[in-house]
Amino acid sequence: MVFRLVYTSKAIASVTDEDLEDILSKARSNNPRLGLTGLLMFHNSEFFQVLEGREASVEALFKKSPKTLDTSRSNVSTPVKSRRACSVIGVWPMRPFHRMRTVNC
């Protein structure tokens, strides 16, 4: 069983492409050692994140993540937690994300 935690947060400062690459680089470096996989999306100052792995590791990272890995986040949502038979993210230490562009329809 894989433990999954999903949450959202809001950037309280401007986030550049370099900032996003720094977050991704740290995750790719740290997550394999912790047995974690993840997905991070960013759009209009909002983050959406999925973390998967052993429950203790996921919970520990979530508790420190907005405070120590990225101090520019606020309004962290109540996480949605679940256990699944398999990972939806696979083997990615932190799945690549793309800054979504606003489309005027």
N, C-alpha and C. Protein backbone atom coordinates (compact mmCIF):
# COMPACT_ATOMS: atom_id res chain seq x y z
N MET A 1 0.83 -1.19 0.00
CA MET A 1 0.00 0.00 0.00
C MET A 1 0.88 1.25 0.00
N VAL A 2 0.45 2.23 -0.76
CA VAL A 2 1.14 3.51 -0.85
C VAL A 2 0.29 4.56 -0.15
N PHE A 3 0.91 5.35 0.70
CA PHE A 3 0.23 6.44 1.36
C PHE A 3 0.33 7.68 0.48
N ARG A 4 -0.79 8.38 0.29
CA ARG A 4 -0.82 9.56 -0.56
C ARG A 4 -1.39 10.74 0.22
N LEU A 5 -0.75 11.89 0.06
CA LEU A 5 -1.21 13.12 0.69
C LEU A 5 -1.28 14.20 -0.39
N VAL A 6 -2.42 14.88 -0.46
CA VAL A 6 -2.64 15.91 -1.47
C VAL A 6 -3.02 17.19 -0.75
N TYR A 7 -2.40 18.32 -1.15
CA TYR A 7 -2.76 19.59 -0.54
C TYR A 7 -2.49 20.74 -1.51
N THR A 8 -3.02 21.89 -1.16
CA THR A 8 -2.78 23.11 -1.93
C THR A 8 -2.21 24.17 -0.99
N SER A 9 -1.55 25.15 -1.58
CA SER A 9 -1.05 26.29 -0.83
C SER A 9 -0.94 27.47 -1.77
N LYS A 10 -0.73 28.64 -1.20
CA LYS A 10 -0.67 29.86 -1.99
C LYS A 10 0.67 30.55 -1.77
N ALA A 11 1.26 31.01 -2.86
CA ALA A 11 2.52 31.76 -2.76
C ALA A 11 2.21 33.15 -2.21
N ILE A 12 3.01 33.60 -1.25
CA ILE A 12 2.81 34.94 -0.69
C ILE A 12 3.79 35.94 -1.29
N ALA A 13 4.66 35.46 -2.14
CA ALA A 13 5.62 36.31 -2.85
C ALA A 13 5.65 35.86 -4.31
N SER A 14 6.21 36.66 -5.15
CA SER A 14 6.35 36.31 -6.55
C SER A 14 7.21 35.04 -6.68
N VAL A 15 6.79 34.13 -7.53
CA VAL A 15 7.52 32.89 -7.76
C VAL A 15 8.00 32.88 -9.20
N THR A 16 9.31 32.78 -9.37
CA THR A 16 9.90 32.78 -10.71
C THR A 16 10.09 31.35 -11.19
N ASP A 17 10.41 31.21 -12.47
CA ASP A 17 10.75 29.89 -12.99
C ASP A 17 11.97 29.33 -12.27
N GLU A 18 12.91 30.19 -11.90
CA GLU A 18 14.10 29.75 -11.16
C GLU A 18 13.72 29.21 -9.78
N ASP A 19 12.77 29.86 -9.10
CA ASP A 19 12.29 29.37 -7.80
C ASP A 19 11.68 27.98 -7.95
N LEU A 20 10.86 27.80 -8.99
CA LEU A 20 10.23 26.50 -9.21
C LEU A 20 11.27 25.43 -9.50
N GLU A 21 12.28 25.77 -10.30
CA GLU A 21 13.34 24.81 -10.59
C GLU A 21 14.12 24.44 -9.33
N ASP A 22 14.32 25.41 -8.43
CA ASP A 22 15.01 25.15 -7.16
C ASP A 22 14.21 24.18 -6.30
N ILE A 23 12.90 24.37 -6.22
CA ILE A 23 12.04 23.44 -5.46
C ILE A 23 12.14 22.05 -6.05
N LEU A 24 12.04 21.96 -7.38
CA LEU A 24 12.12 20.68 -8.06
C LEU A 24 13.47 20.01 -7.84
N SER A 25 14.54 20.76 -7.92
CA SER A 25 15.89 20.21 -7.71
C SER A 25 16.06 19.65 -6.31
N LYS A 26 15.58 20.37 -5.30
CA LYS A 26 15.66 19.89 -3.92
C LYS A 26 14.87 18.60 -3.74
N ALA A 27 13.68 18.57 -4.32
CA ALA A 27 12.84 17.38 -4.21
C ALA A 27 13.49 16.18 -4.89
N ARG A 28 14.04 16.40 -6.07
CA ARG A 28 14.70 15.31 -6.79
C ARG A 28 15.92 14.79 -6.04
N SER A 29 16.55 15.64 -5.28
CA SER A 29 17.71 15.24 -4.49
C SER A 29 17.30 14.51 -3.21
N ASN A 30 16.28 15.01 -2.52
CA ASN A 30 15.90 14.47 -1.21
C ASN A 30 14.89 13.32 -1.26
N ASN A 31 13.95 13.36 -2.18
CA ASN A 31 12.87 12.38 -2.17
C ASN A 31 13.30 10.93 -2.34
N PRO A 32 14.26 10.61 -3.22
CA PRO A 32 14.66 9.20 -3.34
C PRO A 32 15.22 8.64 -2.02
N ARG A 33 15.98 9.45 -1.32
CA ARG A 33 16.56 9.03 -0.04
C ARG A 33 15.45 8.75 0.99
N LEU A 34 14.35 9.47 0.88
CA LEU A 34 13.23 9.31 1.81
C LEU A 34 12.19 8.30 1.32
N GLY A 35 12.40 7.77 0.11
CA GLY A 35 11.44 6.82 -0.45
C GLY A 35 10.14 7.48 -0.89
N LEU A 36 10.22 8.73 -1.35
CA LEU A 36 9.03 9.48 -1.72
C LEU A 36 8.99 9.76 -3.22
N THR A 37 7.78 9.90 -3.72
CA THR A 37 7.55 10.41 -5.06
C THR A 37 6.59 11.58 -4.92
N GLY A 38 6.54 12.43 -5.95
CA GLY A 38 5.67 13.58 -5.83
C GLY A 38 5.33 14.22 -7.15
N LEU A 39 4.37 15.13 -7.07
CA LEU A 39 3.92 15.92 -8.20
C LEU A 39 3.66 17.32 -7.67
N LEU A 40 4.16 18.33 -8.37
CA LEU A 40 3.93 19.71 -7.97
C LEU A 40 3.48 20.50 -9.18
N MET A 41 2.35 21.19 -9.03
CA MET A 41 1.85 22.05 -10.10
C MET A 41 1.73 23.46 -9.53
N PHE A 42 1.93 24.46 -10.39
CA PHE A 42 1.85 25.85 -9.97
C PHE A 42 1.13 26.65 -11.04
N HIS A 43 0.14 27.46 -10.58
CA HIS A 43 -0.62 28.30 -11.50
C HIS A 43 -1.24 29.45 -10.71
N ASN A 44 -1.11 30.67 -11.23
CA ASN A 44 -1.72 31.85 -10.60
C ASN A 44 -1.46 31.93 -9.10
N SER A 45 -0.21 31.75 -8.70
CA SER A 45 0.23 31.83 -7.30
C SER A 45 -0.26 30.68 -6.44
N GLU A 46 -0.84 29.65 -7.03
CA GLU A 46 -1.35 28.50 -6.28
C GLU A 46 -0.51 27.26 -6.57
N PHE A 47 -0.18 26.54 -5.51
CA PHE A 47 0.52 25.26 -5.62
C PHE A 47 -0.49 24.14 -5.39
N PHE A 48 -0.32 23.05 -6.11
CA PHE A 48 -1.06 21.80 -5.89
C PHE A 48 0.00 20.72 -5.79
N GLN A 49 0.02 19.98 -4.68
CA GLN A 49 1.06 18.98 -4.51
C GLN A 49 0.50 17.64 -4.08
N VAL A 50 1.09 16.58 -4.64
CA VAL A 50 0.80 15.20 -4.27
C VAL A 50 2.12 14.60 -3.80
N LEU A 51 2.10 13.98 -2.62
CA LEU A 51 3.26 13.25 -2.10
C LEU A 51 2.85 11.81 -1.88
N GLU A 52 3.72 10.86 -2.23
CA GLU A 52 3.43 9.44 -2.03
C GLU A 52 4.64 8.75 -1.43
N GLY A 53 4.38 7.71 -0.65
CA GLY A 53 5.46 6.92 -0.04
C GLY A 53 4.99 6.30 1.26
N ARG A 54 5.96 5.99 2.13
CA ARG A 54 5.60 5.48 3.45
C ARG A 54 4.93 6.60 4.24
N GLU A 55 3.90 6.25 5.00
CA GLU A 55 3.12 7.27 5.71
C GLU A 55 3.99 8.16 6.60
N ALA A 56 4.88 7.57 7.38
CA ALA A 56 5.73 8.36 8.28
C ALA A 56 6.59 9.37 7.52
N SER A 57 7.14 8.95 6.38
CA SER A 57 7.99 9.83 5.58
C SER A 57 7.19 10.96 4.94
N VAL A 58 6.02 10.62 4.42
CA VAL A 58 5.16 11.63 3.79
C VAL A 58 4.71 12.66 4.82
N GLU A 59 4.24 12.17 5.97
CA GLU A 59 3.76 13.07 7.03
C GLU A 59 4.89 13.98 7.53
N ALA A 60 6.09 13.43 7.69
CA ALA A 60 7.22 14.23 8.17
C ALA A 60 7.56 15.33 7.18
N LEU A 61 7.58 15.01 5.89
CA LEU A 61 7.88 16.03 4.89
C LEU A 61 6.79 17.08 4.84
N PHE A 62 5.54 16.66 4.90
CA PHE A 62 4.44 17.62 4.87
C PHE A 62 4.52 18.60 6.04
N LYS A 63 4.85 18.11 7.21
CA LYS A 63 4.92 18.97 8.39
C LYS A 63 5.99 20.04 8.26
N LYS A 64 7.09 19.73 7.58
CA LYS A 64 8.15 20.72 7.46
C LYS A 64 8.18 21.42 6.10
N SER A 65 7.53 20.87 5.10
CA SER A 65 7.65 21.35 3.73
C SER A 65 7.41 22.84 3.54
N PRO A 66 6.24 23.37 3.85
CA PRO A 66 6.04 24.79 3.60
C PRO A 66 6.94 25.69 4.45
N LYS A 67 7.36 25.20 5.60
CA LYS A 67 8.18 26.02 6.49
C LYS A 67 9.65 26.02 6.10
N THR A 68 10.19 24.86 5.76
CA THR A 68 11.64 24.79 5.55
C THR A 68 12.05 24.66 4.08
N LEU A 69 11.24 24.02 3.28
CA LEU A 69 11.61 23.86 1.88
C LEU A 69 11.20 25.06 1.04
N ASP A 70 10.13 25.69 1.42
CA ASP A 70 9.64 26.83 0.66
C ASP A 70 8.94 27.79 1.62
N THR A 71 9.65 28.78 2.08
CA THR A 71 9.11 29.69 3.09
C THR A 71 8.13 30.71 2.50
N SER A 72 7.89 30.66 1.21
CA SER A 72 7.00 31.64 0.59
C SER A 72 5.56 31.16 0.45
N ARG A 73 5.20 30.07 1.12
CA ARG A 73 3.83 29.55 1.00
C ARG A 73 2.99 29.88 2.23
N SER A 74 1.69 30.08 1.99
CA SER A 74 0.74 30.28 3.08
C SER A 74 -0.56 29.59 2.68
N ASN A 75 -1.55 29.70 3.54
CA ASN A 75 -2.88 29.13 3.26
C ASN A 75 -2.79 27.67 2.85
N VAL A 76 -2.04 26.89 3.58
CA VAL A 76 -1.91 25.46 3.27
C VAL A 76 -3.24 24.79 3.63
N SER A 77 -3.80 24.09 2.67
CA SER A 77 -5.10 23.44 2.88
C SER A 77 -4.97 22.23 3.79
N THR A 78 -6.11 21.81 4.32
CA THR A 78 -6.14 20.56 5.07
C THR A 78 -5.85 19.44 4.08
N PRO A 79 -4.84 18.62 4.36
CA PRO A 79 -4.47 17.59 3.38
C PRO A 79 -5.52 16.49 3.26
N VAL A 80 -5.64 15.98 2.06
CA VAL A 80 -6.46 14.80 1.79
C VAL A 80 -5.51 13.62 1.81
N LYS A 81 -5.81 12.64 2.66
CA LYS A 81 -4.92 11.48 2.82
C LYS A 81 -5.65 10.21 2.38
N SER A 82 -4.89 9.32 1.75
CA SER A 82 -5.47 8.04 1.32
C SER A 82 -4.38 6.99 1.22
N ARG A 83 -4.80 5.75 1.14
CA ARG A 83 -3.90 4.63 0.90
C ARG A 83 -4.35 3.95 -0.38
N ARG A 84 -3.39 3.67 -1.24
CA ARG A 84 -3.69 3.07 -2.54
C ARG A 84 -2.83 1.84 -2.76
N ALA A 85 -3.29 0.98 -3.64
CA ALA A 85 -2.54 -0.23 -3.95
C ALA A 85 -1.26 0.08 -4.71
N CYS A 86 -1.28 1.16 -5.49
CA CYS A 86 -0.09 1.51 -6.25
C CYS A 86 0.02 3.03 -6.38
N SER A 87 1.18 3.46 -6.79
CA SER A 87 1.45 4.88 -6.96
C SER A 87 0.89 5.39 -8.28
N VAL A 88 0.32 6.59 -8.26
CA VAL A 88 -0.11 7.20 -9.52
C VAL A 88 1.04 7.98 -10.14
N ILE A 89 2.06 8.24 -9.36
CA ILE A 89 3.19 9.03 -9.84
C ILE A 89 4.31 8.15 -10.37
N GLY A 90 4.40 6.93 -9.89
CA GLY A 90 5.43 6.02 -10.37
C GLY A 90 6.75 6.22 -9.66
N VAL A 91 7.81 6.27 -10.42
CA VAL A 91 9.15 6.32 -9.83
C VAL A 91 9.74 7.72 -9.80
N TRP A 92 9.00 8.73 -10.17
CA TRP A 92 9.52 10.10 -10.22
C TRP A 92 9.77 10.64 -8.81
N PRO A 93 11.01 11.06 -8.48
CA PRO A 93 11.26 11.69 -7.19
C PRO A 93 10.42 12.96 -7.02
N MET A 94 10.25 13.69 -8.10
CA MET A 94 9.31 14.81 -8.16
C MET A 94 9.00 15.00 -9.62
N ARG A 95 7.80 14.63 -9.98
CA ARG A 95 7.39 14.68 -11.38
C ARG A 95 7.54 16.10 -11.93
N PRO A 96 8.06 16.23 -13.13
CA PRO A 96 8.21 17.57 -13.71
C PRO A 96 6.87 18.29 -13.76
N PHE A 97 6.93 19.55 -13.53
CA PHE A 97 5.74 20.37 -13.58
C PHE A 97 5.99 21.48 -14.59
N HIS A 98 4.94 22.08 -15.00
CA HIS A 98 5.05 23.21 -15.92
C HIS A 98 4.21 24.34 -15.36
N ARG A 99 4.75 25.52 -15.44
CA ARG A 99 3.97 26.69 -15.04
C ARG A 99 2.85 26.80 -16.06
N MET A 100 1.64 26.71 -15.58
CA MET A 100 0.50 26.78 -16.48
C MET A 100 0.24 28.22 -16.88
N ARG A 101 -0.01 28.43 -18.12
CA ARG A 101 -0.30 29.78 -18.61
C ARG A 101 -1.81 30.00 -18.64
N THR A 102 -2.22 31.18 -18.30
CA THR A 102 -3.64 31.52 -18.34
C THR A 102 -4.07 31.67 -19.79
N VAL A 103 -5.19 31.06 -20.10
CA VAL A 103 -5.73 31.15 -21.45
C VAL A 103 -7.05 31.92 -21.36
N ASN A 104 -7.15 32.96 -22.14
CA ASN A 104 -8.41 33.73 -22.19
C ASN A 104 -9.31 33.12 -23.22
N CYS A 105 -10.46 32.64 -22.77
CA CYS A 105 -11.43 32.00 -23.68
C CYS A 105 -12.64 32.88 -23.89
